[in-house]
Each structure stands twice: as structure tokens, then as C-alpha cells.
N, C-alpha and C. Protein backbone atom coordinates (compact mmCIF):
# COMPACT_ATOMS: atom_id res chain seq x y z
N MET A 1 209.00 278.75 279.33
CA MET A 1 209.16 279.59 278.15
C MET A 1 210.63 279.59 277.78
N THR A 2 210.93 279.51 276.47
CA THR A 2 212.31 279.59 276.01
C THR A 2 212.46 280.77 275.07
N ASN A 3 213.69 281.30 274.97
CA ASN A 3 213.93 282.39 274.04
C ASN A 3 214.40 281.83 272.71
N ALA A 4 214.78 282.72 271.78
CA ALA A 4 215.14 282.31 270.44
C ALA A 4 216.36 281.40 270.41
N THR A 5 217.22 281.50 271.42
CA THR A 5 218.42 280.66 271.45
C THR A 5 218.20 279.38 272.23
N GLY A 6 216.96 279.15 272.68
CA GLY A 6 216.65 277.92 273.39
C GLY A 6 216.85 278.00 274.89
N HIS A 7 217.26 279.15 275.41
CA HIS A 7 217.45 279.31 276.85
C HIS A 7 216.11 279.55 277.54
N MET A 8 215.99 279.03 278.74
CA MET A 8 214.76 279.24 279.50
C MET A 8 214.63 280.70 279.91
N VAL A 9 213.42 281.20 279.86
CA VAL A 9 213.10 282.54 280.32
C VAL A 9 212.15 282.36 281.51
N LYS A 10 212.58 282.87 282.65
CA LYS A 10 211.77 282.76 283.86
C LYS A 10 210.73 283.88 283.86
N LYS A 11 209.48 283.54 284.20
CA LYS A 11 208.41 284.54 284.30
C LYS A 11 208.27 284.93 285.77
N VAL A 12 208.22 286.26 286.01
CA VAL A 12 208.10 286.76 287.38
C VAL A 12 207.04 287.85 287.39
N ALA A 13 206.10 287.76 288.32
CA ALA A 13 205.09 288.80 288.49
C ALA A 13 205.72 290.03 289.12
N VAL A 14 205.15 291.20 288.84
CA VAL A 14 205.68 292.45 289.38
C VAL A 14 205.77 292.38 290.90
N ALA A 15 204.74 291.89 291.56
CA ALA A 15 204.75 291.80 293.02
C ALA A 15 205.89 290.91 293.50
N GLN A 16 206.11 289.79 292.80
CA GLN A 16 207.20 288.89 293.16
C GLN A 16 208.55 289.57 292.93
N LEU A 17 208.67 290.34 291.87
CA LEU A 17 209.90 291.08 291.59
C LEU A 17 210.20 292.06 292.72
N LYS A 18 209.16 292.78 293.16
CA LYS A 18 209.34 293.73 294.26
C LYS A 18 209.85 293.03 295.52
N ALA A 19 209.29 291.87 295.81
CA ALA A 19 209.64 291.14 297.03
C ALA A 19 211.02 290.48 296.95
N HIS A 20 211.46 290.18 295.73
CA HIS A 20 212.71 289.42 295.56
C HIS A 20 213.64 290.09 294.55
N LEU A 21 213.73 291.41 294.58
CA LEU A 21 214.53 292.13 293.58
C LEU A 21 216.00 291.72 293.61
N ALA A 22 216.61 291.70 294.77
CA ALA A 22 218.03 291.37 294.85
C ALA A 22 218.32 289.98 294.29
N GLU A 23 217.49 289.02 294.64
CA GLU A 23 217.66 287.65 294.15
C GLU A 23 217.47 287.59 292.63
N THR A 24 216.47 288.31 292.13
CA THR A 24 216.20 288.34 290.69
C THR A 24 217.38 288.94 289.94
N LEU A 25 217.94 290.02 290.48
CA LEU A 25 219.09 290.66 289.83
C LEU A 25 220.31 289.73 289.85
N ARG A 26 220.48 288.96 290.91
CA ARG A 26 221.58 287.98 290.95
C ARG A 26 221.40 286.93 289.85
N ASP A 27 220.16 286.50 289.64
CA ASP A 27 219.87 285.54 288.57
C ASP A 27 220.23 286.11 287.21
N VAL A 28 219.88 287.37 287.00
CA VAL A 28 220.19 288.03 285.71
C VAL A 28 221.70 288.16 285.55
N GLU A 29 222.38 288.56 286.61
CA GLU A 29 223.85 288.65 286.56
C GLU A 29 224.48 287.31 286.20
N ALA A 30 223.83 286.23 286.62
CA ALA A 30 224.34 284.88 286.34
C ALA A 30 223.98 284.41 284.93
N GLY A 31 223.23 285.24 284.19
CA GLY A 31 222.92 284.89 282.80
C GLY A 31 221.46 284.60 282.50
N ALA A 32 220.59 284.68 283.51
CA ALA A 32 219.17 284.37 283.29
C ALA A 32 218.47 285.52 282.57
N ARG A 33 217.44 285.17 281.82
CA ARG A 33 216.52 286.15 281.23
C ARG A 33 215.23 286.06 282.03
N ILE A 34 214.74 287.20 282.48
CA ILE A 34 213.55 287.23 283.34
C ILE A 34 212.46 288.06 282.66
N ALA A 35 211.31 287.44 282.40
CA ALA A 35 210.16 288.15 281.83
C ALA A 35 209.32 288.67 282.98
N ILE A 36 209.17 289.99 283.08
CA ILE A 36 208.37 290.60 284.13
C ILE A 36 206.94 290.70 283.62
N GLN A 37 206.00 290.19 284.42
CA GLN A 37 204.61 290.14 283.98
C GLN A 37 203.68 290.91 284.91
N ARG A 38 202.73 291.58 284.31
CA ARG A 38 201.66 292.25 285.05
C ARG A 38 200.36 291.66 284.54
N ARG A 39 199.59 291.08 285.47
CA ARG A 39 198.32 290.43 285.14
C ARG A 39 198.50 289.38 284.03
N GLY A 40 199.60 288.65 284.10
CA GLY A 40 199.84 287.56 283.16
C GLY A 40 200.40 287.97 281.82
N LYS A 41 200.65 289.26 281.61
CA LYS A 41 201.16 289.74 280.33
C LYS A 41 202.57 290.29 280.52
N THR A 42 203.50 289.89 279.65
CA THR A 42 204.88 290.36 279.76
C THR A 42 204.94 291.85 279.46
N VAL A 43 205.55 292.60 280.40
CA VAL A 43 205.69 294.06 280.23
C VAL A 43 207.14 294.48 280.09
N ALA A 44 208.08 293.61 280.46
CA ALA A 44 209.50 293.90 280.34
C ALA A 44 210.28 292.60 280.42
N VAL A 45 211.51 292.64 279.94
CA VAL A 45 212.38 291.48 280.03
C VAL A 45 213.74 291.95 280.53
N LEU A 46 214.22 291.34 281.61
CA LEU A 46 215.55 291.65 282.13
C LEU A 46 216.54 290.67 281.50
N VAL A 47 217.60 291.21 280.94
CA VAL A 47 218.64 290.38 280.33
C VAL A 47 220.00 290.81 280.88
N PRO A 48 220.98 289.90 280.86
CA PRO A 48 222.32 290.27 281.32
C PRO A 48 222.89 291.41 280.47
N PRO A 49 223.75 292.25 281.05
CA PRO A 49 224.30 293.39 280.30
C PRO A 49 224.99 293.00 279.00
N THR A 50 225.70 291.88 279.00
CA THR A 50 226.40 291.47 277.78
C THR A 50 225.40 291.17 276.67
N GLU A 51 224.30 290.54 277.04
CA GLU A 51 223.27 290.24 276.04
C GLU A 51 222.57 291.52 275.58
N ALA A 52 222.33 292.43 276.51
CA ALA A 52 221.69 293.70 276.16
C ALA A 52 222.56 294.48 275.18
N ASP A 53 223.88 294.50 275.41
CA ASP A 53 224.79 295.20 274.50
C ASP A 53 224.76 294.57 273.12
N ALA A 54 224.77 293.25 273.07
CA ALA A 54 224.73 292.55 271.78
C ALA A 54 223.41 292.84 271.06
N LEU A 55 222.30 292.84 271.81
CA LEU A 55 221.00 293.09 271.20
C LEU A 55 220.89 294.52 270.69
N ALA A 56 221.49 295.45 271.40
CA ALA A 56 221.43 296.85 270.98
C ALA A 56 222.13 297.04 269.64
N ASN A 57 223.11 296.21 269.36
CA ASN A 57 223.87 296.33 268.11
C ASN A 57 223.31 295.48 266.99
N ASP A 58 222.32 294.67 267.27
CA ASP A 58 221.80 293.75 266.26
C ASP A 58 220.27 293.70 266.38
N TRP A 59 219.58 294.54 265.60
CA TRP A 59 218.12 294.65 265.73
C TRP A 59 217.42 293.34 265.38
N TRP A 60 218.00 292.54 264.53
CA TRP A 60 217.35 291.29 264.16
C TRP A 60 217.36 290.32 265.35
N SER A 61 218.48 290.26 266.04
CA SER A 61 218.55 289.43 267.24
C SER A 61 217.59 289.95 268.30
N ALA A 62 217.50 291.27 268.40
CA ALA A 62 216.57 291.86 269.36
C ALA A 62 215.15 291.44 269.04
N LEU A 63 214.80 291.46 267.76
CA LEU A 63 213.46 291.06 267.35
C LEU A 63 213.22 289.59 267.69
N ASN A 64 214.21 288.75 267.47
CA ASN A 64 214.07 287.34 267.83
C ASN A 64 213.85 287.18 269.33
N GLY A 65 214.54 287.97 270.13
CA GLY A 65 214.34 287.92 271.58
C GLY A 65 212.93 288.32 271.96
N VAL A 66 212.42 289.36 271.31
CA VAL A 66 211.06 289.80 271.58
C VAL A 66 210.06 288.72 271.19
N MET A 67 210.28 288.12 270.03
CA MET A 67 209.37 287.07 269.57
C MET A 67 209.28 285.94 270.60
N ALA A 68 210.39 285.62 271.19
CA ALA A 68 210.41 284.52 272.15
C ALA A 68 209.78 284.92 273.48
N ASP A 69 209.89 286.18 273.84
CA ASP A 69 209.43 286.62 275.16
C ASP A 69 207.98 287.07 275.21
N VAL A 70 207.41 287.41 274.06
CA VAL A 70 206.02 287.87 274.02
C VAL A 70 205.16 286.73 273.49
N ASP A 71 204.28 286.23 274.34
CA ASP A 71 203.51 285.03 274.01
C ASP A 71 202.68 285.17 272.74
N ASP A 72 202.08 286.33 272.48
CA ASP A 72 201.20 286.49 271.32
C ASP A 72 201.86 287.33 270.22
N PHE A 73 203.19 287.29 270.13
CA PHE A 73 203.92 288.10 269.15
C PHE A 73 203.47 287.79 267.71
N GLU A 74 203.36 286.52 267.38
CA GLU A 74 202.99 286.14 266.01
C GLU A 74 201.61 286.70 265.65
N LYS A 75 200.67 286.64 266.56
CA LYS A 75 199.33 287.18 266.32
C LYS A 75 199.39 288.69 266.09
N ILE A 76 200.18 289.39 266.90
CA ILE A 76 200.32 290.84 266.76
C ILE A 76 200.90 291.20 265.39
N VAL A 77 201.94 290.47 264.97
CA VAL A 77 202.57 290.75 263.68
C VAL A 77 201.60 290.45 262.54
N ARG A 78 200.89 289.34 262.61
CA ARG A 78 199.92 289.01 261.56
C ARG A 78 198.85 290.09 261.43
N GLU A 79 198.33 290.58 262.56
CA GLU A 79 197.32 291.63 262.53
C GLU A 79 197.90 292.93 261.95
N THR A 80 199.14 293.24 262.30
CA THR A 80 199.79 294.45 261.78
C THR A 80 199.99 294.35 260.27
N VAL A 81 200.48 293.21 259.82
CA VAL A 81 200.69 293.02 258.38
C VAL A 81 199.37 293.09 257.63
N LYS A 82 198.34 292.47 258.17
CA LYS A 82 197.02 292.49 257.54
C LYS A 82 196.48 293.92 257.44
N SER A 83 196.62 294.70 258.52
CA SER A 83 196.12 296.07 258.48
C SER A 83 196.93 296.93 257.51
N ARG A 84 198.24 296.68 257.42
CA ARG A 84 199.08 297.43 256.47
C ARG A 84 198.72 297.07 255.03
N ALA A 85 198.34 295.83 254.79
CA ALA A 85 197.97 295.42 253.44
C ALA A 85 196.72 296.15 252.98
N ASN A 86 195.85 296.49 253.91
CA ASN A 86 194.62 297.19 253.57
C ASN A 86 194.77 298.71 253.57
N ALA A 87 195.93 299.21 254.01
CA ALA A 87 196.16 300.65 254.09
C ALA A 87 196.56 301.21 252.72
N ARG A 88 196.29 302.49 252.53
CA ARG A 88 196.72 303.14 251.30
C ARG A 88 198.22 303.37 251.35
N PRO A 89 198.90 303.23 250.21
CA PRO A 89 200.34 303.50 250.18
C PRO A 89 200.60 304.97 250.50
N ARG A 90 201.73 305.24 251.10
CA ARG A 90 202.10 306.62 251.39
C ARG A 90 203.58 306.81 251.12
N ARG A 91 203.93 308.02 250.81
CA ARG A 91 205.34 308.35 250.55
C ARG A 91 206.11 308.37 251.85
N VAL A 92 207.31 307.86 251.79
CA VAL A 92 208.19 307.87 252.96
C VAL A 92 209.50 308.52 252.55
N LYS A 93 209.89 309.57 253.28
CA LYS A 93 211.15 310.24 253.02
C LYS A 93 212.27 309.45 253.67
N LEU A 94 213.21 308.95 252.86
CA LEU A 94 214.26 308.10 253.39
C LEU A 94 215.53 308.87 253.74
N GLU A 95 215.71 310.06 253.18
CA GLU A 95 216.91 310.84 253.45
C GLU A 95 216.51 312.25 253.85
N ASP A 96 217.40 312.89 254.62
CA ASP A 96 217.15 314.28 255.02
C ASP A 96 217.58 315.25 253.94
């Protein structure tokens, strides 16, 4: 699996993470992105602190990271857009 920038993302099962936490954290410190999976589904992604800080300041980059790390992201977005298209419009308060 690769992320939006083309870097490999390692997949690790929760049980494997528990057994090898220190090693996994060393990999992340070295720059690796680790997708934590439960029953084959990604539930979290570990990223280096520098990348996390950059993502926190740039929601679009964060979204790209999520797209790369979640295998069925495109399907989820398509279903969401389709359901919103069928929903009634509603007022949204943009300012307090």
C-alpha cells in the first residue's frame, strides 16, 4: 500500500502491534507510516510527528493521507455524495 506521496504504508495487525510495539514505534520515528488493522480493516494510522504536525495544519493533505490509507475510501465518498444528493437541502449557520 502507498500513501498520497508515493511512500509505502506498512499494514500491521493489532495483535502484531501489541507484540512489537517498540519496534513499530522505531519504524515510525524513522519516517514510516503504519496502518493499524483490526480484522483486515484499517482503524488507525501511525505517522511521524513531523508529518502529523504538517497534516494538522493542512486538512487537504490530511484528506489525501486518509484516501491513501483507507482501502475503500472512494466507495465511502461516492456513497456519501449520492446520499447527500438525495437529501433535502437544509440551512446551515456559517457565523455565530
